[in-house]
Amino acid sequence: MNHEPISSQEETVLLAVGSLQPDAYAYGIIKEISDETNQSWSLGTVHTILYRLENKGLLKSEMGGSSSKRGGRSKRLYMLSNKGYKVMEELMAIRQSMWTKVATNRLSFNS
């Protein structure tokens, strides 16, 4: 990997953003994480991670339109940057390679 390492929480948030874009916002990210992992994350935790990922250049954000549901306020929408996509592709390749080795070792160990 040719980038600063990211934590498992950062990776989870990147995956949530990628799966929700173009409508990835903090509460939606929390719901996606909860639905997929059965874990409950606080809004403060997610905001901190989003801020950190944006500072690392892995995410971009912009203000979305306002809605009557939010009392006329707009929400910040997040997207993976090109660098963010590249990091996620590298992580996926590493994990796939390692899982292949795990499966191979399990087969030879169980024989």
Protein backbone atom coordinates (compact mmCIF):
# COMPACT_ATOMS: atom_id res chain seq x y z
CA MET A 1 0.00 0.00 0.00
CA ASN A 2 1.32 3.39 -0.96
CA HIS A 3 -0.82 5.41 1.39
CA GLU A 4 -1.31 6.16 5.05
CA PRO A 5 -2.88 3.14 6.77
CA ILE A 6 -6.54 3.41 7.68
CA SER A 7 -8.34 1.87 10.63
CA SER A 8 -11.08 -0.73 10.34
CA GLN A 9 -13.61 1.93 11.38
CA GLU A 10 -12.37 4.22 8.62
CA GLU A 11 -12.66 1.37 6.14
CA THR A 12 -16.22 0.66 7.28
CA VAL A 13 -17.19 4.31 6.80
CA LEU A 14 -15.56 4.36 3.34
CA LEU A 15 -17.55 1.26 2.38
CA ALA A 16 -20.77 2.83 3.67
CA VAL A 17 -20.13 6.06 1.76
CA GLY A 18 -19.33 4.13 -1.42
CA SER A 19 -22.48 2.04 -1.13
CA LEU A 20 -24.73 5.06 -0.48
CA GLN A 21 -23.37 7.68 -2.87
CA PRO A 22 -24.56 10.03 -4.17
CA ASP A 23 -26.78 10.22 -1.07
CA ALA A 24 -24.23 9.46 1.66
CA TYR A 25 -24.79 11.66 4.70
CA ALA A 26 -24.02 11.07 8.37
CA TYR A 27 -27.35 9.57 9.51
CA GLY A 28 -27.58 7.41 6.38
CA ILE A 29 -24.05 6.16 6.99
CA ILE A 30 -24.95 5.25 10.58
CA LYS A 31 -28.01 3.34 9.35
CA GLU A 32 -26.00 1.52 6.64
CA ILE A 33 -23.37 0.47 9.19
CA SER A 34 -26.06 -0.70 11.59
CA ASP A 35 -27.92 -2.63 8.87
CA GLU A 36 -24.77 -4.33 7.58
CA THR A 37 -22.83 -4.97 10.81
CA ASN A 38 -25.45 -4.98 13.58
CA GLN A 39 -23.33 -2.36 15.36
CA SER A 40 -24.54 0.95 16.71
CA TRP A 41 -22.24 3.92 16.08
CA SER A 42 -22.78 7.39 17.48
CA LEU A 43 -23.16 10.45 15.30
CA GLY A 44 -20.03 11.93 16.91
CA THR A 45 -17.97 8.87 15.99
CA VAL A 46 -19.11 8.97 12.37
CA HIS A 47 -18.56 12.74 12.08
CA THR A 48 -15.04 12.40 13.49
CA ILE A 49 -14.19 9.62 11.01
CA LEU A 50 -15.73 11.52 8.08
CA TYR A 51 -13.67 14.59 8.97
CA ARG A 52 -10.49 12.52 9.26
CA LEU A 53 -11.11 10.75 5.93
CA GLU A 54 -11.78 14.05 4.20
CA ASN A 55 -8.51 15.44 5.61
CA LYS A 56 -6.68 12.36 4.27
CA GLY A 57 -8.12 13.10 0.83
CA LEU A 58 -10.17 9.90 0.70
CA LEU A 59 -13.55 11.65 0.74
CA LYS A 60 -15.03 14.80 -0.75
CA SER A 61 -18.13 16.53 0.54
CA GLU A 62 -20.61 19.17 -0.49
CA MET A 63 -23.76 20.64 0.94
CA GLY A 64 -26.93 19.09 -0.47
CA GLY A 65 -30.22 20.86 -0.97
CA SER A 66 -32.44 21.78 1.93
CA SER A 67 -35.55 19.80 2.76
CA SER A 68 -38.73 20.43 4.69
CA LYS A 69 -38.00 17.23 6.69
CA ARG A 70 -34.94 18.97 8.13
CA GLY A 71 -36.68 22.28 8.79
CA GLY A 72 -35.21 23.82 5.66
CA ARG A 73 -31.63 22.89 6.57
CA SER A 74 -29.32 21.19 4.10
CA LYS A 75 -27.16 18.16 4.81
CA ARG A 76 -23.53 17.44 3.97
CA LEU A 77 -23.17 14.73 1.33
CA TYR A 78 -20.00 12.61 1.07
CA MET A 79 -18.41 10.91 -1.93
CA LEU A 80 -15.30 8.81 -2.37
CA SER A 81 -12.50 10.77 -4.02
CA ASN A 82 -10.35 9.18 -6.72
CA LYS A 83 -7.76 8.51 -4.01
CA GLY A 84 -10.49 6.96 -1.85
CA TYR A 85 -11.51 4.59 -4.66
CA LYS A 86 -7.88 3.62 -5.19
CA VAL A 87 -7.38 2.88 -1.48
CA MET A 88 -10.55 0.79 -1.40
CA GLU A 89 -9.45 -1.17 -4.49
CA GLU A 90 -6.06 -1.85 -2.87
CA LEU A 91 -7.69 -3.01 0.36
CA MET A 92 -10.08 -5.28 -1.52
CA ALA A 93 -7.21 -6.87 -3.48
CA ILE A 94 -5.20 -7.47 -0.30
CA ARG A 95 -8.17 -9.02 1.49
CA GLN A 96 -9.09 -11.22 -1.49
CA SER A 97 -5.50 -12.47 -1.73
CA MET A 98 -5.34 -13.24 1.97
CA TRP A 99 -8.77 -14.94 2.01
CA THR A 100 -7.65 -17.13 -0.89
CA LYS A 101 -4.64 -18.18 1.18
CA VAL A 102 -6.84 -18.85 4.21
CA ALA A 103 -9.15 -21.04 2.14
CA THR A 104 -6.21 -22.90 0.58
CA ASN A 105 -4.58 -23.46 3.97
CA ARG A 106 -7.86 -24.64 5.46
CA LEU A 107 -8.30 -27.21 2.70
CA SER A 108 -4.77 -28.54 3.10
CA PHE A 109 -4.98 -28.50 6.89
CA ASN A 110 -8.29 -30.40 6.95
CA SER A 111 -7.05 -33.09 4.57
